[in-house]
Amino acid sequence: PATGQATPATVPPAPPTALSLEERLVLTNTEMTTRLDEASVAYE
């Protein structure tokens, strides 16, 4: 690189944070609701 230019810095990705119990329950509830809705439509 030329002397006046900076090399682009690569930022490492942030480590994943663990979900709390409440967040996991909400995620599971959402996923199960979606599955049940799909099963209901398939049954109909």
PDB file of all heavy atoms in Angstrom:
ATOM      1  N   PRO A   1       0.826  -1.203   0.000  1.00  0.00           N
ATOM      2  CA  PRO A   1       0.000   0.000   0.000  1.00  0.00           C
ATOM      3  C   PRO A   1       0.864   1.259   0.000  1.00  0.00           C
ATOM      4  O   PRO A   1       1.986   1.259   0.491  1.00  0.00           O
ATOM      5  CB  PRO A   1      -0.829  -0.114   1.273  1.00  0.00           C
ATOM      6  CG  PRO A   1      -0.148  -1.105   2.125  1.00  0.00           C
ATOM      7  CD  PRO A   1       0.659  -1.974   1.214  1.00  0.00           C
ATOM      8  N   ALA A   2       0.269   2.275  -0.539  1.00  0.00           N
ATOM      9  CA  ALA A   2       0.959   3.562  -0.523  1.00  0.00           C
ATOM     10  C   ALA A   2       1.088   4.045   0.912  1.00  0.00           C
ATOM     11  O   ALA A   2       0.322   3.644   1.778  1.00  0.00           O
ATOM     12  CB  ALA A   2       0.194   4.580  -1.369  1.00  0.00           C
ATOM     13  N   THR A   3       2.026   4.885   1.131  1.00  0.00           N
ATOM     14  CA  THR A   3       2.313   5.304   2.489  1.00  0.00           C
ATOM     15  C   THR A   3       1.179   6.086   3.130  1.00  0.00           C
ATOM     16  O   THR A   3       1.013   6.064   4.335  1.00  0.00           O
ATOM     17  CB  THR A   3       3.590   6.179   2.516  1.00  0.00           C
ATOM     18  OG1 THR A   3       3.436   7.221   1.580  1.00  0.00           O
ATOM     19  CG2 THR A   3       4.799   5.353   2.263  1.00  0.00           C
ATOM     20  N   GLY A   4       0.295   6.678   2.415  1.00  0.00           N
ATOM     21  CA  GLY A   4      -0.772   7.467   3.016  1.00  0.00           C
ATOM     22  C   GLY A   4      -2.061   6.656   3.206  1.00  0.00           C
ATOM     23  O   GLY A   4      -3.042   7.154   3.732  1.00  0.00           O
ATOM     24  N   GLN A   5      -2.091   5.405   2.755  1.00  0.00           N
ATOM     25  CA  GLN A   5      -3.319   4.610   2.847  1.00  0.00           C
ATOM     26  C   GLN A   5      -3.223   3.606   3.986  1.00  0.00           C
ATOM     27  O   GLN A   5      -2.174   3.029   4.223  1.00  0.00           O
ATOM     28  CB  GLN A   5      -3.539   3.856   1.539  1.00  0.00           C
ATOM     29  CG  GLN A   5      -3.783   4.766   0.363  1.00  0.00           C
ATOM     30  CD  GLN A   5      -3.949   3.950  -0.907  1.00  0.00           C
ATOM     31  OE1 GLN A   5      -3.633   2.778  -0.928  1.00  0.00           O
ATOM     32  NE2 GLN A   5      -4.444   4.584  -1.945  1.00  0.00           N
ATOM     33  N   ALA A   6      -4.383   3.389   4.653  1.00  0.00           N
ATOM     34  CA  ALA A   6      -4.423   2.417   5.751  1.00  0.00           C
ATOM     35  C   ALA A   6      -4.987   1.101   5.220  1.00  0.00           C
ATOM     36  O   ALA A   6      -5.830   1.089   4.329  1.00  0.00           O
ATOM     37  CB  ALA A   6      -5.302   2.925   6.881  1.00  0.00           C
ATOM     38  N   THR A   7      -4.501   0.027   5.760  1.00  0.00           N
ATOM     39  CA  THR A   7      -5.043  -1.276   5.352  1.00  0.00           C
ATOM     40  C   THR A   7      -6.401  -1.470   6.042  1.00  0.00           C
ATOM     41  O   THR A   7      -6.571  -1.103   7.207  1.00  0.00           O
ATOM     42  CB  THR A   7      -4.093  -2.425   5.748  1.00  0.00           C
ATOM     43  OG1 THR A   7      -3.900  -2.380   7.132  1.00  0.00           O
ATOM     44  CG2 THR A   7      -2.802  -2.338   5.014  1.00  0.00           C
ATOM     45  N   PRO A   8      -7.367  -2.002   5.315  1.00  0.00           N
ATOM     46  CA  PRO A   8      -8.672  -2.207   5.953  1.00  0.00           C
ATOM     47  C   PRO A   8      -8.555  -3.243   7.064  1.00  0.00           C
ATOM     48  O   PRO A   8      -7.965  -4.306   6.876  1.00  0.00           O
ATOM     49  CB  PRO A   8      -9.566  -2.689   4.827  1.00  0.00           C
ATOM     50  CG  PRO A   8      -8.655  -3.131   3.734  1.00  0.00           C
ATOM     51  CD  PRO A   8      -7.342  -2.462   3.946  1.00  0.00           C
ATOM     52  N   ALA A   9      -9.093  -2.915   8.221  1.00  0.00           N
ATOM     53  CA  ALA A   9      -9.022  -3.821   9.375  1.00  0.00           C
ATOM     54  C   ALA A   9     -10.227  -4.765   9.341  1.00  0.00           C
ATOM     55  O   ALA A   9     -11.349  -4.342   9.115  1.00  0.00           O
ATOM     56  CB  ALA A   9      -9.027  -3.030  10.674  1.00  0.00           C
ATOM     57  N   THR A  10      -9.996  -6.030   9.550  1.00  0.00           N
ATOM     58  CA  THR A  10     -11.096  -6.999   9.627  1.00  0.00           C
ATOM     59  C   THR A  10     -11.464  -7.167  11.085  1.00  0.00           C
ATOM     60  O   THR A  10     -10.625  -7.433  11.934  1.00  0.00           O
ATOM     61  CB  THR A  10     -10.688  -8.354   9.027  1.00  0.00           C
ATOM     62  OG1 THR A  10      -9.540  -8.807   9.695  1.00  0.00           O
ATOM     63  CG2 THR A  10     -10.429  -8.237   7.541  1.00  0.00           C
ATOM     64  N   VAL A  11     -12.771  -7.008  11.361  1.00  0.00           N
ATOM     65  CA  VAL A  11     -13.260  -7.127  12.728  1.00  0.00           C
ATOM     66  C   VAL A  11     -13.751  -8.559  12.914  1.00  0.00           C
ATOM     67  O   VAL A  11     -14.584  -9.046  12.140  1.00  0.00           O
ATOM     68  CB  VAL A  11     -14.397  -6.121  12.981  1.00  0.00           C
ATOM     69  CG1 VAL A  11     -14.957  -6.262  14.378  1.00  0.00           C
ATOM     70  CG2 VAL A  11     -13.914  -4.713  12.697  1.00  0.00           C
ATOM     71  N   PRO A  12     -13.236  -9.254  13.903  1.00  0.00           N
ATOM     72  CA  PRO A  12     -13.712 -10.639  14.111  1.00  0.00           C
ATOM     73  C   PRO A  12     -15.178 -10.619  14.539  1.00  0.00           C
ATOM     74  O   PRO A  12     -15.617  -9.687  15.217  1.00  0.00           O
ATOM     75  CB  PRO A  12     -12.806 -11.189  15.206  1.00  0.00           C
ATOM     76  CG  PRO A  12     -12.274  -9.981  15.905  1.00  0.00           C
ATOM     77  CD  PRO A  12     -12.262  -8.868  14.888  1.00  0.00           C
ATOM     78  N   PRO A  13     -15.969 -11.623  14.127  1.00  0.00           N
ATOM     79  CA  PRO A  13     -17.378 -11.638  14.528  1.00  0.00           C
ATOM     80  C   PRO A  13     -17.509 -11.803  16.046  1.00  0.00           C
ATOM     81  O   PRO A  13     -16.678 -12.437  16.697  1.00  0.00           O
ATOM     82  CB  PRO A  13     -17.954 -12.852  13.798  1.00  0.00           C
ATOM     83  CG  PRO A  13     -16.785 -13.705  13.456  1.00  0.00           C
ATOM     84  CD  PRO A  13     -15.601 -12.780  13.350  1.00  0.00           C
ATOM     85  N   ALA A  14     -18.568 -11.224  16.579  1.00  0.00           N
ATOM     86  CA  ALA A  14     -18.797 -11.310  18.021  1.00  0.00           C
ATOM     87  C   ALA A  14     -19.176 -12.747  18.378  1.00  0.00           C
ATOM     88  O   ALA A  14     -19.897 -13.421  17.633  1.00  0.00           O
ATOM     89  CB  ALA A  14     -19.931 -10.369  18.430  1.00  0.00           C
ATOM     90  N   PRO A  15     -18.705 -13.234  19.512  1.00  0.00           N
ATOM     91  CA  PRO A  15     -19.057 -14.604  19.891  1.00  0.00           C
ATOM     92  C   PRO A  15     -20.563 -14.679  20.177  1.00  0.00           C
ATOM     93  O   PRO A  15     -21.164 -13.727  20.677  1.00  0.00           O
ATOM     94  CB  PRO A  15     -18.231 -14.859  21.148  1.00  0.00           C
ATOM     95  CG  PRO A  15     -17.891 -13.501  21.674  1.00  0.00           C
ATOM     96  CD  PRO A  15     -17.870 -12.586  20.494  1.00  0.00           C
ATOM     97  N   PRO A  16     -21.187 -15.820  19.839  1.00  0.00           N
ATOM     98  CA  PRO A  16     -22.628 -15.935  20.076  1.00  0.00           C
ATOM     99  C   PRO A  16     -22.915 -15.922  21.580  1.00  0.00           C
ATOM    100  O   PRO A  16     -22.170 -16.484  22.379  1.00  0.00           O
ATOM    101  CB  PRO A  16     -22.991 -17.288  19.458  1.00  0.00           C
ATOM    102  CG  PRO A  16     -21.711 -18.045  19.383  1.00  0.00           C
ATOM    103  CD  PRO A  16     -20.613 -17.025  19.271  1.00  0.00           C
ATOM    104  N   THR A  17     -24.007 -15.273  21.937  1.00  0.00           N
ATOM    105  CA  THR A  17     -24.393 -15.232  23.349  1.00  0.00           C
ATOM    106  C   THR A  17     -25.433 -16.316  23.590  1.00  0.00           C
ATOM    107  O   THR A  17     -26.276 -16.589  22.726  1.00  0.00           O
ATOM    108  CB  THR A  17     -24.975 -13.866  23.725  1.00  0.00           C
ATOM    109  OG1 THR A  17     -26.101 -13.607  22.901  1.00  0.00           O
ATOM    110  CG2 THR A  17     -23.950 -12.764  23.545  1.00  0.00           C
ATOM    111  N   ALA A  18     -25.367 -16.918  24.726  1.00  0.00           N
ATOM    112  CA  ALA A  18     -26.322 -17.968  25.070  1.00  0.00           C
ATOM    113  C   ALA A  18     -27.679 -17.333  25.348  1.00  0.00           C
ATOM    114  O   ALA A  18     -27.771 -16.265  25.953  1.00  0.00           O
ATOM    115  CB  ALA A  18     -25.837 -18.733  26.296  1.00  0.00           C
ATOM    116  N   LEU A  19     -28.738 -18.020  24.876  1.00  0.00           N
ATOM    117  CA  LEU A  19     -30.090 -17.527  25.108  1.00  0.00           C
ATOM    118  C   LEU A  19     -30.519 -17.862  26.531  1.00  0.00           C
ATOM    119  O   LEU A  19     -30.182 -18.910  27.063  1.00  0.00           O
ATOM    120  CB  LEU A  19     -31.065 -18.163  24.122  1.00  0.00           C
ATOM    121  CG  LEU A  19     -30.839 -17.858  22.644  1.00  0.00           C
ATOM    122  CD1 LEU A  19     -31.814 -18.658  21.785  1.00  0.00           C
ATOM    123  CD2 LEU A  19     -30.994 -16.376  22.373  1.00  0.00           C
ATOM    124  N   SER A  20     -31.300 -16.989  27.089  1.00  0.00           N
ATOM    125  CA  SER A  20     -31.824 -17.259  28.426  1.00  0.00           C
ATOM    126  C   SER A  20     -32.950 -18.281  28.307  1.00  0.00           C
ATOM    127  O   SER A  20     -33.447 -18.571  27.210  1.00  0.00           O
ATOM    128  CB  SER A  20     -32.352 -15.970  29.070  1.00  0.00           C
ATOM    129  OG  SER A  20     -33.509 -15.536  28.385  1.00  0.00           O
ATOM    130  N   LEU A  21     -33.378 -18.806  29.426  1.00  0.00           N
ATOM    131  CA  LEU A  21     -34.452 -19.788  29.430  1.00  0.00           C
ATOM    132  C   LEU A  21     -35.726 -19.202  28.819  1.00  0.00           C
ATOM    133  O   LEU A  21     -36.395 -19.845  28.014  1.00  0.00           O
ATOM    134  CB  LEU A  21     -34.725 -20.278  30.859  1.00  0.00           C
ATOM    135  CG  LEU A  21     -35.899 -21.240  31.014  1.00  0.00           C
ATOM    136  CD1 LEU A  21     -35.656 -22.513  30.220  1.00  0.00           C
ATOM    137  CD2 LEU A  21     -36.140 -21.564  32.467  1.00  0.00           C
ATOM    138  N   GLU A  22     -36.055 -17.969  29.179  1.00  0.00           N
ATOM    139  CA  GLU A  22     -37.251 -17.330  28.652  1.00  0.00           C
ATOM    140  C   GLU A  22     -37.169 -17.169  27.145  1.00  0.00           C
ATOM    141  O   GLU A  22     -38.146 -17.405  26.419  1.00  0.00           O
ATOM    142  CB  GLU A  22     -37.482 -15.966  29.324  1.00  0.00           C
ATOM    143  CG  GLU A  22     -37.885 -16.045  30.778  1.00  0.00           C
ATOM    144  CD  GLU A  22     -36.705 -16.289  31.714  1.00  0.00           C
ATOM    145  OE1 GLU A  22     -35.538 -16.061  31.313  1.00  0.00           O
ATOM    146  OE2 GLU A  22     -36.944 -16.730  32.844  1.00  0.00           O
ATOM    147  N   GLU A  23     -36.012 -16.778  26.634  1.00  0.00           N
ATOM    148  CA  GLU A  23     -35.844 -16.616  25.190  1.00  0.00           C
ATOM    149  C   GLU A  23     -35.968 -17.954  24.463  1.00  0.00           C
ATOM    150  O   GLU A  23     -36.568 -18.035  23.402  1.00  0.00           O
ATOM    151  CB  GLU A  23     -34.485 -15.975  24.896  1.00  0.00           C
ATOM    152  CG  GLU A  23     -34.391 -14.528  25.350  1.00  0.00           C
ATOM    153  CD  GLU A  23     -32.981 -13.981  25.291  1.00  0.00           C
ATOM    154  OE1 GLU A  23     -32.015 -14.744  25.541  1.00  0.00           O
ATOM    155  OE2 GLU A  23     -32.834 -12.775  25.016  1.00  0.00           O
ATOM    156  N   ARG A  24     -35.404 -19.006  25.057  1.00  0.00           N
ATOM    157  CA  ARG A  24     -35.530 -20.337  24.443  1.00  0.00           C
ATOM    158  C   ARG A  24     -36.979 -20.806  24.440  1.00  0.00           C
ATOM    159  O   ARG A  24     -37.452 -21.409  23.478  1.00  0.00           O
ATOM    160  CB  ARG A  24     -34.648 -21.349  25.165  1.00  0.00           C
ATOM    161  CG  ARG A  24     -33.168 -21.151  24.877  1.00  0.00           C
ATOM    162  CD  ARG A  24     -32.333 -22.199  25.519  1.00  0.00           C
ATOM    163  NE  ARG A  24     -32.508 -22.067  26.974  1.00  0.00           N
ATOM    164  CZ  ARG A  24     -31.936 -22.811  27.879  1.00  0.00           C
ATOM    165  NH1 ARG A  24     -31.154 -23.789  27.525  1.00  0.00           N
ATOM    166  NH2 ARG A  24     -32.139 -22.615  29.158  1.00  0.00           N
ATOM    167  N   LEU A  25     -37.714 -20.525  25.541  1.00  0.00           N
ATOM    168  CA  LEU A  25     -39.129 -20.913  25.598  1.00  0.00           C
ATOM    169  C   LEU A  25     -39.947 -20.166  24.552  1.00  0.00           C
ATOM    170  O   LEU A  25     -40.810 -20.750  23.894  1.00  0.00           O
ATOM    171  CB  LEU A  25     -39.685 -20.660  27.000  1.00  0.00           C
ATOM    172  CG  LEU A  25     -39.207 -21.625  28.085  1.00  0.00           C
ATOM    173  CD1 LEU A  25     -39.709 -21.162  29.450  1.00  0.00           C
ATOM    174  CD2 LEU A  25     -39.672 -23.036  27.802  1.00  0.00           C
ATOM    175  N   VAL A  26     -39.686 -18.879  24.380  1.00  0.00           N
ATOM    176  CA  VAL A  26     -40.404 -18.095  23.373  1.00  0.00           C
ATOM    177  C   VAL A  26     -40.084 -18.631  21.981  1.00  0.00           C
ATOM    178  O   VAL A  26     -40.979 -18.790  21.141  1.00  0.00           O
ATOM    179  CB  VAL A  26     -40.049 -16.598  23.499  1.00  0.00           C
ATOM    180  CG1 VAL A  26     -40.533 -15.810  22.301  1.00  0.00           C
ATOM    181  CG2 VAL A  26     -40.624 -16.023  24.779  1.00  0.00           C
ATOM    182  N   LEU A  27     -38.828 -18.934  21.734  1.00  0.00           N
ATOM    183  CA  LEU A  27     -38.420 -19.467  20.438  1.00  0.00           C
ATOM    184  C   LEU A  27     -39.076 -20.828  20.176  1.00  0.00           C
ATOM    185  O   LEU A  27     -39.623 -21.074  19.087  1.00  0.00           O
ATOM    186  CB  LEU A  27     -36.891 -19.597  20.396  1.00  0.00           C
ATOM    187  CG  LEU A  27     -36.289 -20.060  19.074  1.00  0.00           C
ATOM    188  CD1 LEU A  27     -36.583 -19.050  17.981  1.00  0.00           C
ATOM    189  CD2 LEU A  27     -34.785 -20.262  19.220  1.00  0.00           C
ATOM    190  N   THR A  28     -39.077 -21.689  21.162  1.00  0.00           N
ATOM    191  CA  THR A  28     -39.706 -23.008  21.016  1.00  0.00           C
ATOM    192  C   THR A  28     -41.207 -22.874  20.821  1.00  0.00           C
ATOM    193  O   THR A  28     -41.803 -23.562  19.984  1.00  0.00           O
ATOM    194  CB  THR A  28     -39.401 -23.878  22.248  1.00  0.00           C
ATOM    195  OG1 THR A  28     -37.994 -24.000  22.386  1.00  0.00           O
ATOM    196  CG2 THR A  28     -40.006 -25.263  22.107  1.00  0.00           C
ATOM    197  N   ASN A  29     -41.846 -21.982  21.570  1.00  0.00           N
ATOM    198  CA  ASN A  29     -43.285 -21.754  21.431  1.00  0.00           C
ATOM    199  C   ASN A  29     -43.621 -21.279  20.017  1.00  0.00           C
ATOM    200  O   ASN A  29     -44.578 -21.749  19.401  1.00  0.00           O
ATOM    201  CB  ASN A  29     -43.759 -20.737  22.467  1.00  0.00           C
ATOM    202  CG  ASN A  29     -45.258 -20.551  22.441  1.00  0.00           C
ATOM    203  OD1 ASN A  29     -46.005 -21.470  22.104  1.00  0.00           O
ATOM    204  ND2 ASN A  29     -45.706 -19.363  22.789  1.00  0.00           N
ATOM    205  N   THR A  30     -42.825 -20.362  19.497  1.00  0.00           N
ATOM    206  CA  THR A  30     -43.049 -19.854  18.145  1.00  0.00           C
ATOM    207  C   THR A  30     -42.895 -20.974  17.114  1.00  0.00           C
ATOM    208  O   THR A  30     -43.712 -21.112  16.207  1.00  0.00           O
ATOM    209  CB  THR A  30     -42.061 -18.709  17.842  1.00  0.00           C
ATOM    210  OG1 THR A  30     -42.203 -17.702  18.843  1.00  0.00           O
ATOM    211  CG2 THR A  30     -42.307 -18.117  16.475  1.00  0.00           C
ATOM    212  N   GLU A  31     -41.861 -21.783  17.282  1.00  0.00           N
ATOM    213  CA  GLU A  31     -41.617 -22.886  16.352  1.00  0.00           C
ATOM    214  C   GLU A  31     -42.743 -23.921  16.412  1.00  0.00           C
ATOM    215  O   GLU A  31     -43.221 -24.388  15.378  1.00  0.00           O
ATOM    216  CB  GLU A  31     -40.282 -23.549  16.674  1.00  0.00           C
ATOM    217  CG  GLU A  31     -39.925 -24.662  15.712  1.00  0.00           C
ATOM    218  CD  GLU A  31     -38.585 -25.294  16.054  1.00  0.00           C
ATOM    219  OE1 GLU A  31     -37.767 -24.659  16.723  1.00  0.00           O
ATOM    220  OE2 GLU A  31     -38.381 -26.441  15.647  1.00  0.00           O
ATOM    221  N   MET A  32     -43.212 -24.260  17.605  1.00  0.00           N
ATOM    222  CA  MET A  32     -44.288 -25.247  17.748  1.00  0.00           C
ATOM    223  C   MET A  32     -45.606 -24.700  17.202  1.00  0.00           C
ATOM    224  O   MET A  32     -46.384 -25.434  16.583  1.00  0.00           O
ATOM    225  CB  MET A  32     -44.445 -25.663  19.213  1.00  0.00           C
ATOM    226  CG  MET A  32     -43.284 -26.491  19.736  1.00  0.00           C
ATOM    227  SD  MET A  32     -42.881 -27.935  18.746  1.00  0.00           S
ATOM    228  CE  MET A  32     -44.372 -28.880  18.872  1.00  0.00           C
ATOM    229  N   THR A  33     -45.873 -23.422  17.413  1.00  0.00           N
ATOM    230  CA  THR A  33     -47.087 -22.814  16.867  1.00  0.00           C
ATOM    231  C   THR A  33     -47.074 -22.884  15.349  1.00  0.00           C
ATOM    232  O   THR A  33     -48.087 -23.224  14.725  1.00  0.00           O
ATOM    233  CB  THR A  33     -47.217 -21.349  17.345  1.00  0.00           C
ATOM    234  OG1 THR A  33     -47.250 -21.334  18.772  1.00  0.00           O
ATOM    235  CG2 THR A  33     -48.471 -20.696  16.793  1.00  0.00           C
ATOM    236  N   THR A  34     -45.932 -22.615  14.756  1.00  0.00           N
ATOM    237  CA  THR A  34     -45.803 -22.707  13.303  1.00  0.00           C
ATOM    238  C   THR A  34     -46.042 -24.134  12.837  1.00  0.00           C
ATOM    239  O   THR A  34     -46.780 -24.372  11.873  1.00  0.00           O
ATOM    240  CB  THR A  34     -44.400 -22.229  12.861  1.00  0.00           C
ATOM    241  OG1 THR A  34     -44.205 -20.895  13.327  1.00  0.00           O
ATOM    242  CG2 THR A  34     -44.256 -22.286  11.358  1.00  0.00           C
ATOM    243  N   ARG A  35     -45.444 -25.109  13.500  1.00  0.00           N
ATOM    244  CA  ARG A  35     -45.641 -26.518  13.131  1.00  0.00           C
ATOM    245  C   ARG A  35     -47.102 -26.939  13.262  1.00  0.00           C
ATOM    246  O   ARG A  35     -47.641 -27.640  12.416  1.00  0.00           O
ATOM    247  CB  ARG A  35     -44.775 -27.425  14.003  1.00  0.00           C
ATOM    248  CG  ARG A  35     -43.315 -27.384  13.666  1.00  0.00           C
ATOM    249  CD  ARG A  35     -42.561 -28.368  14.519  1.00  0.00           C
ATOM    250  NE  ARG A  35     -41.145 -28.344  14.271  1.00  0.00           N
ATOM    251  CZ  ARG A  35     -40.281 -29.136  14.855  1.00  0.00           C
ATOM    252  NH1 ARG A  35     -40.682 -30.027  15.734  1.00  0.00           N
ATOM    253  NH2 ARG A  35     -38.998 -29.045  14.574  1.00  0.00           N
ATOM    254  N   LEU A  36     -47.758 -26.518  14.358  1.00  0.00           N
ATOM    255  CA  LEU A  36     -49.162 -26.872  14.557  1.00  0.00           C
ATOM    256  C   LEU A  36     -50.058 -26.226  13.510  1.00  0.00           C
ATOM    257  O   LEU A  36     -51.011 -26.835  13.031  1.00  0.00           O
ATOM    258  CB  LEU A  36     -49.611 -26.494  15.972  1.00  0.00           C
ATOM    259  CG  LEU A  36     -49.040 -27.357  17.093  1.00  0.00           C
ATOM    260  CD1 LEU A  36     -49.389 -26.755  18.444  1.00  0.00           C
ATOM    261  CD2 LEU A  36     -49.561 -28.773  16.993  1.00  0.00           C
ATOM    262  N   ASP A  37     -49.749 -24.986  13.148  1.00  0.00           N
ATOM    263  CA  ASP A  37     -50.523 -24.318  12.103  1.00  0.00           C
ATOM    264  C   ASP A  37     -50.364 -25.042  10.767  1.00  0.00           C
ATOM    265  O   ASP A  37     -51.341 -25.246  10.035  1.00  0.00           O
ATOM    266  CB  ASP A  37     -50.090 -22.859  11.965  1.00  0.00           C
ATOM    267  CG  ASP A  37     -50.538 -21.987  13.138  1.00  0.00           C
ATOM    268  OD1 ASP A  37     -51.438 -22.430  13.885  1.00  0.00           O
ATOM    269  OD2 ASP A  37     -49.979 -20.885  13.299  1.00  0.00           O
ATOM    270  N   GLU A  38     -49.143 -25.453  10.446  1.00  0.00           N
ATOM    271  CA  GLU A  38     -48.910 -26.198   9.207  1.00  0.00           C
ATOM    272  C   GLU A  38     -49.624 -27.544   9.229  1.00  0.00           C
ATOM    273  O   GLU A  38     -50.222 -27.956   8.236  1.00  0.00           O
ATOM    274  CB  GLU A  38     -47.406 -26.404   8.995  1.00  0.00           C
ATOM    275  CG  GLU A  38     -46.653 -25.151   8.646  1.00  0.00           C
ATOM    276  CD  GLU A  38     -45.146 -25.338   8.616  1.00  0.00           C
ATOM    277  OE1 GLU A  38     -44.649 -26.452   8.915  1.00  0.00           O
ATOM    278  OE2 GLU A  38     -44.458 -24.359   8.302  1.00  0.00           O
ATOM    279  N   ALA A  39     -49.609 -28.225  10.380  1.00  0.00           N
ATOM    280  CA  ALA A  39     -50.288 -29.514  10.495  1.00  0.00           C
ATOM    281  C   ALA A  39     -51.794 -29.335  10.370  1.00  0.00           C
ATOM    282  O   ALA A  39     -52.481 -30.161   9.760  1.00  0.00           O
ATOM    283  CB  ALA A  39     -49.933 -30.183  11.823  1.00  0.00           C
ATOM    284  N   SER A  40     -52.327 -28.262  10.920  1.00  0.00           N
ATOM    285  CA  SER A  40     -53.761 -27.988  10.827  1.00  0.00           C
ATOM    286  C   SER A  40     -54.176 -27.760   9.382  1.00  0.00           C
ATOM    287  O   SER A  40     -55.188 -28.286   8.928  1.00  0.00           O
ATOM    288  CB  SER A  40     -54.098 -26.769  11.683  1.00  0.00           C
ATOM    289  OG  SER A  40     -55.453 -26.436  11.529  1.00  0.00           O
ATOM    290  N   VAL A  41     -53.391 -27.001   8.661  1.00  0.00           N
ATOM    291  CA  VAL A  41     -53.682 -26.761   7.253  1.00  0.00           C
ATOM    292  C   VAL A  41     -53.583 -28.068   6.467  1.00  0.00           C
ATOM    293  O   VAL A  41     -54.449 -28.380   5.638  1.00  0.00           O
ATOM    294  CB  VAL A  41     -52.736 -25.688   6.666  1.00  0.00           C
ATOM    295  CG1 VAL A  41     -52.858 -25.616   5.159  1.00  0.00           C
ATOM    296  CG2 VAL A  41     -53.023 -24.334   7.293  1.00  0.00           C
ATOM    297  N   ALA A  42     -52.558 -28.869   6.729  1.00  0.00           N
ATOM    298  CA  ALA A  42     -52.404 -30.147   6.035  1.00  0.00           C
ATOM    299  C   ALA A  42     -53.579 -31.066   6.322  1.00  0.00           C
ATOM    300  O   ALA A  42     -54.094 -31.748   5.426  1.00  0.00           O
ATOM    301  CB  ALA A  42     -51.093 -30.817   6.448  1.00  0.00           C
ATOM    302  N   TYR A  43     -54.055 -31.088   7.563  1.00  0.00           N
ATOM    303  CA  TYR A  43     -55.215 -31.915   7.922  1.00  0.00           C
ATOM    304  C   TYR A  43     -56.451 -31.456   7.157  1.00  0.00           C
ATOM    305  O   TYR A  43     -57.204 -32.264   6.619  1.00  0.00           O
ATOM    306  CB  TYR A  43     -55.457 -31.850   9.431  1.00  0.00           C
ATOM    307  CG  TYR A  43     -56.686 -32.595   9.862  1.00  0.00           C
ATOM    308  CD1 TYR A  43     -56.667 -33.973  10.024  1.00  0.00           C
ATOM    309  CD2 TYR A  43     -57.879 -31.932  10.090  1.00  0.00           C
ATOM    310  CE1 TYR A  43     -57.800 -34.664  10.404  1.00  0.00           C
ATOM    311  CE2 TYR A  43     -59.025 -32.610  10.466  1.00  0.00           C
ATOM    312  CZ  TYR A  43     -58.970 -33.977  10.612  1.00  0.00           C
ATOM    313  OH  TYR A  43     -60.094 -34.656  10.975  1.00  0.00           O
ATOM    314  N   GLU A  44     -56.680 -30.157   7.119  1.00  0.00           N
ATOM    315  CA  GLU A  44     -57.839 -29.623   6.401  1.00  0.00           C
ATOM    316  C   GLU A  44     -57.768 -29.975   4.922  1.00  0.00           C
ATOM    317  O   GLU A  44     -58.771 -30.362   4.320  1.00  0.00           O
ATOM    318  CB  GLU A  44     -57.918 -28.098   6.576  1.00  0.00           C
ATOM    319  CG  GLU A  44     -58.234 -27.651   7.975  1.00  0.00           C
ATOM    320  CD  GLU A  44     -59.625 -28.084   8.434  1.00  0.00           C
ATOM    321  OE1 GLU A  44     -60.549 -28.122   7.604  1.00  0.00           O
ATOM    322  OE2 GLU A  44     -59.775 -28.386   9.628  1.00  0.00           O
TER     323      GLU A  44
END
